[in-house]
C-alpha cells in the first residue's frame, strides 16, 4: 500500500508533537497532581510548579544537546499541563478515599520513573525512536 505525500506529511507533523518521550512528560503531570492531593498542597501552586519544571526540563534537554523542533518542545511542556487537571479531577472526585489516592500516587510515580529509565536507556543505546 502506497502512502500519499499529504498523509506522510500529516504523520510527520503528528510525530513532531507526540513521540515516545510524550509518555514520561504526561506522567510527570499525573505525578504532580497526585502529589498535590496526597500531600495536601494547593493545586494551583503545584500546577505552576509543574509548568516551571516542564519548561526547565526543556532547557536541560537542550543543554544536554538534545535538539527538538519548537513544536515538540511546546508539546513536551503541554503534556504535563494536560495530565495535571485530568488526573487531579479524576483522583479528587472519582477516587475519593485517601488510601486509594496514595496507592495511585505510588503506582503512577513508579510508572513515571520506569518509563523515564527506559526512555533514557533507549536514548543512550541510540534507539532511533528515542533520539533526535
N, C-alpha and C. Protein backbone atom coordinates (compact mmCIF):
# COMPACT_ATOMS: atom_id res chain seq x y z
N UNK A 1 0.84 -1.18 0.00
CA UNK A 1 0.00 0.00 0.00
C UNK A 1 0.88 1.24 0.00
N UNK A 2 0.61 2.12 -0.89
CA UNK A 2 1.39 3.35 -1.03
C UNK A 2 0.73 4.47 -0.23
N UNK A 3 1.55 5.22 0.51
CA UNK A 3 1.06 6.33 1.33
C UNK A 3 1.30 7.63 0.57
N UNK A 4 0.28 8.46 0.52
CA UNK A 4 0.41 9.73 -0.20
C UNK A 4 1.35 10.68 0.54
N UNK A 5 1.86 11.64 -0.20
CA UNK A 5 2.75 12.64 0.40
C UNK A 5 2.03 13.44 1.47
N UNK A 6 0.76 13.73 1.21
CA UNK A 6 -0.04 14.50 2.17
C UNK A 6 -0.20 13.73 3.48
N UNK A 7 -0.48 12.44 3.38
CA UNK A 7 -0.62 11.60 4.58
C UNK A 7 0.71 11.48 5.32
N UNK A 8 1.78 11.31 4.58
CA UNK A 8 3.11 11.20 5.19
C UNK A 8 3.47 12.49 5.92
N UNK A 9 3.08 13.63 5.34
CA UNK A 9 3.35 14.92 5.96
C UNK A 9 2.57 15.06 7.27
N UNK A 10 1.31 14.61 7.27
CA UNK A 10 0.49 14.66 8.49
C UNK A 10 1.08 13.79 9.59
N UNK A 11 1.53 12.60 9.21
CA UNK A 11 2.13 11.68 10.19
C UNK A 11 3.40 12.30 10.76
N UNK A 12 4.21 12.90 9.92
CA UNK A 12 5.45 13.53 10.41
C UNK A 12 5.14 14.69 11.35
N UNK A 13 4.09 15.47 11.05
CA UNK A 13 3.70 16.56 11.95
C UNK A 13 3.22 16.02 13.29
N UNK A 14 2.47 14.93 13.24
CA UNK A 14 2.00 14.30 14.47
C UNK A 14 3.17 13.74 15.28
N UNK A 15 4.14 13.16 14.59
CA UNK A 15 5.33 12.63 15.28
C UNK A 15 6.12 13.75 15.95
N UNK A 16 6.05 14.94 15.36
CA UNK A 16 6.71 16.10 15.98
C UNK A 16 6.06 16.44 17.31
N UNK A 17 4.75 16.26 17.38
CA UNK A 17 4.02 16.62 18.60
C UNK A 17 4.02 15.51 19.63
N UNK A 18 3.81 14.28 19.19
CA UNK A 18 3.69 13.15 20.11
C UNK A 18 4.70 12.09 19.71
N UNK A 19 5.59 11.79 20.63
CA UNK A 19 6.58 10.75 20.40
C UNK A 19 6.67 9.89 21.66
N UNK A 20 7.63 8.98 21.71
CA UNK A 20 7.75 8.11 22.87
C UNK A 20 8.07 8.89 24.15
N UNK A 21 8.70 10.03 24.00
CA UNK A 21 9.01 10.86 25.16
C UNK A 21 7.76 11.54 25.73
N UNK A 22 6.68 11.55 25.00
CA UNK A 22 5.45 12.16 25.49
C UNK A 22 4.90 11.43 26.71
N UNK A 23 5.17 10.13 26.78
CA UNK A 23 4.66 9.34 27.91
C UNK A 23 5.24 9.82 29.24
N UNK A 24 6.57 9.91 29.38
CA UNK A 24 7.09 10.43 30.66
C UNK A 24 6.66 11.87 30.95
N UNK A 25 6.57 12.70 29.91
CA UNK A 25 6.12 14.07 30.12
C UNK A 25 4.69 14.09 30.66
N UNK A 26 3.82 13.28 30.07
CA UNK A 26 2.44 13.19 30.53
C UNK A 26 2.37 12.66 31.96
N UNK A 27 3.12 11.61 32.23
CA UNK A 27 3.10 11.02 33.57
C UNK A 27 3.62 11.98 34.64
N UNK A 28 4.52 12.88 34.26
CA UNK A 28 5.01 13.87 35.21
C UNK A 28 3.85 14.72 35.73
N UNK A 29 2.97 15.14 34.83
CA UNK A 29 1.80 15.90 35.24
C UNK A 29 0.88 15.11 36.15
N UNK A 30 0.75 13.81 35.87
CA UNK A 30 -0.08 12.95 36.72
C UNK A 30 0.53 12.80 38.11
N UNK A 31 1.85 12.64 38.17
CA UNK A 31 2.53 12.50 39.46
C UNK A 31 2.38 13.77 40.29
N UNK A 32 2.57 14.92 39.66
CA UNK A 32 2.47 16.17 40.43
C UNK A 32 1.05 16.42 40.91
N UNK A 33 0.06 16.08 40.08
CA UNK A 33 -1.35 16.25 40.51
C UNK A 33 -1.66 15.35 41.70
N UNK A 34 -1.23 14.11 41.61
CA UNK A 34 -1.47 13.18 42.71
C UNK A 34 -0.69 13.59 43.96
N UNK A 35 0.51 14.13 43.76
CA UNK A 35 1.29 14.63 44.88
C UNK A 35 0.59 15.77 45.59
N UNK A 36 -0.04 16.64 44.83
CA UNK A 36 -0.80 17.75 45.43
C UNK A 36 -1.92 17.23 46.30
N UNK A 37 -2.60 16.20 45.82
CA UNK A 37 -3.71 15.62 46.58
C UNK A 37 -3.21 14.89 47.82
N UNK A 38 -2.22 14.03 47.65
CA UNK A 38 -1.73 13.19 48.74
C UNK A 38 -1.10 14.03 49.85
N UNK A 39 -0.32 15.05 49.46
CA UNK A 39 0.39 15.86 50.45
C UNK A 39 -0.36 17.15 50.83
N UNK A 40 -1.61 17.27 50.35
CA UNK A 40 -2.48 18.40 50.69
C UNK A 40 -1.85 19.76 50.38
N UNK A 41 -1.28 19.86 49.19
CA UNK A 41 -0.67 21.10 48.73
C UNK A 41 -1.67 21.76 47.77
N UNK A 42 -1.83 23.07 47.83
CA UNK A 42 -2.79 23.74 46.93
C UNK A 42 -2.50 23.41 45.46
N UNK A 43 -3.54 23.04 44.75
CA UNK A 43 -3.40 22.59 43.36
C UNK A 43 -2.78 23.65 42.45
N UNK A 44 -3.17 24.92 42.62
CA UNK A 44 -2.66 25.95 41.73
C UNK A 44 -1.16 26.15 41.88
N UNK A 45 -0.66 26.05 43.11
CA UNK A 45 0.78 26.21 43.29
C UNK A 45 1.54 25.03 42.70
N UNK A 46 0.98 23.83 42.82
CA UNK A 46 1.64 22.66 42.24
C UNK A 46 1.54 22.70 40.71
N UNK A 47 0.42 23.16 40.20
CA UNK A 47 0.28 23.29 38.74
C UNK A 47 1.32 24.28 38.20
N UNK A 48 1.49 25.40 38.89
CA UNK A 48 2.50 26.38 38.48
C UNK A 48 3.90 25.77 38.55
N UNK A 49 4.19 25.03 39.62
CA UNK A 49 5.50 24.38 39.75
C UNK A 49 5.70 23.34 38.63
N UNK A 50 4.63 22.65 38.27
CA UNK A 50 4.70 21.68 37.17
C UNK A 50 5.09 22.38 35.88
N UNK A 51 4.49 23.53 35.64
CA UNK A 51 4.82 24.32 34.45
C UNK A 51 6.29 24.75 34.47
N UNK A 52 6.73 25.25 35.60
CA UNK A 52 8.13 25.70 35.73
C UNK A 52 9.09 24.54 35.49
N UNK A 53 8.83 23.38 36.10
CA UNK A 53 9.70 22.21 35.92
C UNK A 53 9.67 21.72 34.48
N UNK A 54 8.51 21.75 33.83
CA UNK A 54 8.41 21.30 32.44
C UNK A 54 9.26 22.20 31.52
N UNK A 55 9.19 23.50 31.74
CA UNK A 55 9.99 24.43 30.95
C UNK A 55 11.47 24.24 31.26
N UNK A 56 11.81 24.11 32.53
CA UNK A 56 13.22 23.91 32.93
C UNK A 56 13.76 22.62 32.32
N UNK A 57 12.91 21.59 32.27
CA UNK A 57 13.36 20.31 31.69
C UNK A 57 13.71 20.48 30.21
N UNK A 58 12.95 21.27 29.49
CA UNK A 58 13.25 21.50 28.08
C UNK A 58 14.59 22.23 27.93
N UNK A 59 14.89 23.16 28.84
CA UNK A 59 16.20 23.80 28.81
C UNK A 59 17.31 22.80 29.13
N UNK A 60 17.05 21.90 30.08
CA UNK A 60 18.01 20.86 30.43
C UNK A 60 18.28 19.95 29.22
N UNK A 61 17.23 19.55 28.52
CA UNK A 61 17.41 18.71 27.33
C UNK A 61 18.26 19.43 26.30
N UNK A 62 17.99 20.70 26.10
CA UNK A 62 18.76 21.49 25.13
C UNK A 62 20.22 21.57 25.56
N UNK A 63 20.46 21.74 26.85
CA UNK A 63 21.82 21.80 27.39
C UNK A 63 22.54 20.47 27.20
N UNK A 64 21.78 19.37 27.22
CA UNK A 64 22.35 18.04 27.01
C UNK A 64 22.59 17.75 25.52
N UNK A 65 22.26 18.70 24.66
CA UNK A 65 22.49 18.53 23.23
C UNK A 65 21.33 17.87 22.50
N UNK A 66 20.20 17.76 23.16
CA UNK A 66 19.02 17.17 22.53
C UNK A 66 18.32 18.27 21.73
N UNK A 67 18.31 18.10 20.43
CA UNK A 67 17.73 19.11 19.55
C UNK A 67 16.34 18.63 19.12
N UNK A 68 15.34 19.45 19.42
CA UNK A 68 13.97 19.13 19.06
C UNK A 68 13.37 20.33 18.35
N UNK A 69 12.34 20.07 17.59
CA UNK A 69 11.64 21.18 16.93
C UNK A 69 10.90 21.99 18.00
N UNK A 70 10.60 23.21 17.68
CA UNK A 70 9.86 24.07 18.61
C UNK A 70 8.49 23.47 18.91
N UNK A 71 7.87 22.86 17.91
CA UNK A 71 6.56 22.22 18.13
C UNK A 71 6.66 21.09 19.15
N UNK A 72 7.74 20.31 19.07
CA UNK A 72 7.91 19.21 20.02
C UNK A 72 8.18 19.74 21.43
N UNK A 73 8.96 20.80 21.53
CA UNK A 73 9.23 21.38 22.85
C UNK A 73 7.95 21.93 23.48
N UNK A 74 7.13 22.57 22.67
CA UNK A 74 5.86 23.09 23.18
C UNK A 74 4.96 21.93 23.61
N UNK A 75 4.93 20.89 22.81
CA UNK A 75 4.14 19.70 23.16
C UNK A 75 4.64 19.07 24.46
N UNK A 76 5.96 19.01 24.63
CA UNK A 76 6.54 18.43 25.85
C UNK A 76 6.17 19.24 27.09
N UNK A 77 6.02 20.54 26.95
CA UNK A 77 5.59 21.38 28.07
C UNK A 77 4.09 21.23 28.31
N UNK A 78 3.33 21.08 27.24
CA UNK A 78 1.87 20.97 27.37
C UNK A 78 1.41 19.62 27.93
N UNK A 79 2.16 18.55 27.67
CA UNK A 79 1.74 17.22 28.12
C UNK A 79 1.47 17.17 29.63
N UNK A 80 2.41 17.61 30.48
CA UNK A 80 2.10 17.55 31.91
C UNK A 80 1.00 18.53 32.31
N UNK A 81 0.85 19.61 31.56
CA UNK A 81 -0.19 20.59 31.88
C UNK A 81 -1.59 20.07 31.52
N UNK A 82 -1.65 19.14 30.60
CA UNK A 82 -2.92 18.48 30.26
C UNK A 82 -3.19 17.36 31.27
N UNK A 83 -2.13 16.62 31.59
CA UNK A 83 -2.28 15.48 32.52
C UNK A 83 -2.66 15.95 33.92
N UNK A 84 -2.15 17.09 34.34
CA UNK A 84 -2.39 17.55 35.70
C UNK A 84 -3.87 17.71 36.02
N UNK A 85 -4.62 18.53 35.27
CA UNK A 85 -6.05 18.68 35.64
C UNK A 85 -6.85 17.39 35.44
N UNK A 86 -6.52 16.64 34.40
CA UNK A 86 -7.25 15.38 34.18
C UNK A 86 -7.05 14.43 35.35
N UNK A 87 -5.81 14.29 35.78
CA UNK A 87 -5.51 13.40 36.91
C UNK A 87 -6.07 13.95 38.20
N UNK A 88 -5.92 15.25 38.40
CA UNK A 88 -6.41 15.87 39.63
C UNK A 88 -7.91 15.67 39.79
N UNK A 89 -8.64 15.93 38.73
CA UNK A 89 -10.09 15.79 38.80
C UNK A 89 -10.50 14.33 39.02
N UNK A 90 -9.84 13.43 38.32
CA UNK A 90 -10.15 12.01 38.49
C UNK A 90 -9.85 11.55 39.91
N UNK A 91 -8.65 11.84 40.37
CA UNK A 91 -8.23 11.35 41.69
C UNK A 91 -8.99 12.04 42.82
N UNK A 92 -9.36 13.27 42.63
CA UNK A 92 -10.03 14.02 43.68
C UNK A 92 -11.51 13.67 43.80
N UNK A 93 -12.15 13.47 42.66
CA UNK A 93 -13.60 13.31 42.69
C UNK A 93 -14.10 11.91 42.36
N UNK A 94 -13.29 11.09 41.74
CA UNK A 94 -13.70 9.72 41.45
C UNK A 94 -13.12 8.77 42.49
N UNK A 95 -11.84 8.95 42.79
CA UNK A 95 -11.17 8.13 43.79
C UNK A 95 -11.12 8.93 45.08
N UNK A 96 -12.17 8.90 45.84
CA UNK A 96 -12.32 9.80 46.98
C UNK A 96 -11.52 9.36 48.20
N UNK A 97 -11.38 8.07 48.42
CA UNK A 97 -10.68 7.60 49.62
C UNK A 97 -9.19 7.94 49.53
N UNK A 98 -8.66 8.48 50.62
CA UNK A 98 -7.26 8.90 50.65
C UNK A 98 -6.31 7.74 50.42
N UNK A 99 -6.63 6.55 50.95
CA UNK A 99 -5.74 5.40 50.77
C UNK A 99 -5.61 5.04 49.29
N UNK A 100 -6.70 5.15 48.55
CA UNK A 100 -6.64 4.87 47.11
C UNK A 100 -5.84 5.94 46.38
N UNK A 101 -5.97 7.17 46.82
CA UNK A 101 -5.20 8.25 46.21
C UNK A 101 -3.71 8.05 46.44
N UNK A 102 -3.35 7.62 47.65
CA UNK A 102 -1.95 7.34 47.95
C UNK A 102 -1.45 6.18 47.10
N UNK A 103 -2.25 5.13 47.00
CA UNK A 103 -1.87 3.98 46.17
C UNK A 103 -1.68 4.38 44.72
N UNK A 104 -2.59 5.18 44.21
CA UNK A 104 -2.48 5.66 42.83
C UNK A 104 -1.22 6.50 42.65
N UNK A 105 -0.92 7.34 43.63
CA UNK A 105 0.29 8.15 43.59
C UNK A 105 1.53 7.27 43.51
N UNK A 106 1.58 6.23 44.33
CA UNK A 106 2.74 5.32 44.34
C UNK A 106 2.88 4.61 43.00
N UNK A 107 1.79 4.08 42.49
CA UNK A 107 1.82 3.34 41.22
C UNK A 107 2.23 4.24 40.06
N UNK A 108 1.64 5.42 39.97
CA UNK A 108 1.95 6.34 38.87
C UNK A 108 3.39 6.85 38.99
N UNK A 109 3.86 7.07 40.21
CA UNK A 109 5.25 7.50 40.39
C UNK A 109 6.21 6.42 39.92
N UNK A 110 5.95 5.18 40.27
CA UNK A 110 6.79 4.07 39.82
C UNK A 110 6.76 3.96 38.30
N UNK A 111 5.57 4.08 37.71
CA UNK A 111 5.44 4.03 36.26
C UNK A 111 6.20 5.19 35.60
N UNK A 112 6.11 6.37 36.19
CA UNK A 112 6.85 7.54 35.68
C UNK A 112 8.36 7.29 35.72
N UNK A 113 8.86 6.79 36.84
CA UNK A 113 10.29 6.53 36.97
C UNK A 113 10.74 5.44 36.00
N UNK A 114 9.92 4.40 35.85
CA UNK A 114 10.27 3.31 34.95
C UNK A 114 10.29 3.78 33.49
N UNK A 115 9.29 4.53 33.07
CA UNK A 115 9.28 4.99 31.68
C UNK A 115 10.44 5.95 31.40
N UNK A 116 10.79 6.77 32.38
CA UNK A 116 11.95 7.64 32.20
C UNK A 116 13.23 6.83 32.09
N UNK A 117 13.38 5.85 32.96
CA UNK A 117 14.57 5.00 32.91
C UNK A 117 14.69 4.31 31.55
N UNK A 118 13.59 3.72 31.08
CA UNK A 118 13.62 3.01 29.81
C UNK A 118 13.85 3.95 28.63
N UNK A 119 13.28 5.14 28.69
CA UNK A 119 13.47 6.10 27.61
C UNK A 119 14.92 6.57 27.54
N UNK A 120 15.51 6.87 28.69
CA UNK A 120 16.92 7.29 28.69
C UNK A 120 17.84 6.14 28.30
N UNK A 121 17.51 4.95 28.72
CA UNK A 121 18.28 3.77 28.32
C UNK A 121 18.25 3.61 26.80
N UNK A 122 17.07 3.77 26.22
CA UNK A 122 16.93 3.68 24.76
C UNK A 122 17.71 4.80 24.07
N UNK A 123 17.67 5.99 24.64
CA UNK A 123 18.42 7.10 24.03
C UNK A 123 19.91 6.82 24.04
N UNK A 124 20.43 6.34 25.16
CA UNK A 124 21.86 6.04 25.24
C UNK A 124 22.25 4.88 24.33
N UNK A 125 21.31 3.98 24.06
CA UNK A 125 21.56 2.86 23.15
C UNK A 125 21.36 3.30 21.69
N UNK A 126 21.03 4.58 21.51
CA UNK A 126 20.83 5.19 20.19
C UNK A 126 19.67 4.57 19.41
N UNK A 127 18.64 4.20 20.14
CA UNK A 127 17.41 3.72 19.51
C UNK A 127 16.80 4.87 18.71
N UNK A 128 16.51 4.64 17.46
CA UNK A 128 16.01 5.69 16.57
C UNK A 128 14.76 6.39 17.09
N UNK A 129 13.89 5.65 17.74
CA UNK A 129 12.64 6.24 18.25
C UNK A 129 12.86 7.16 19.44
N UNK A 130 14.04 7.12 20.05
CA UNK A 130 14.30 7.92 21.24
C UNK A 130 15.44 8.92 21.04
N UNK A 131 15.89 9.08 19.82
CA UNK A 131 16.93 10.06 19.55
C UNK A 131 16.34 11.20 18.76
N UNK A 132 17.15 12.21 18.55
CA UNK A 132 16.71 13.44 17.88
C UNK A 132 16.02 13.17 16.58
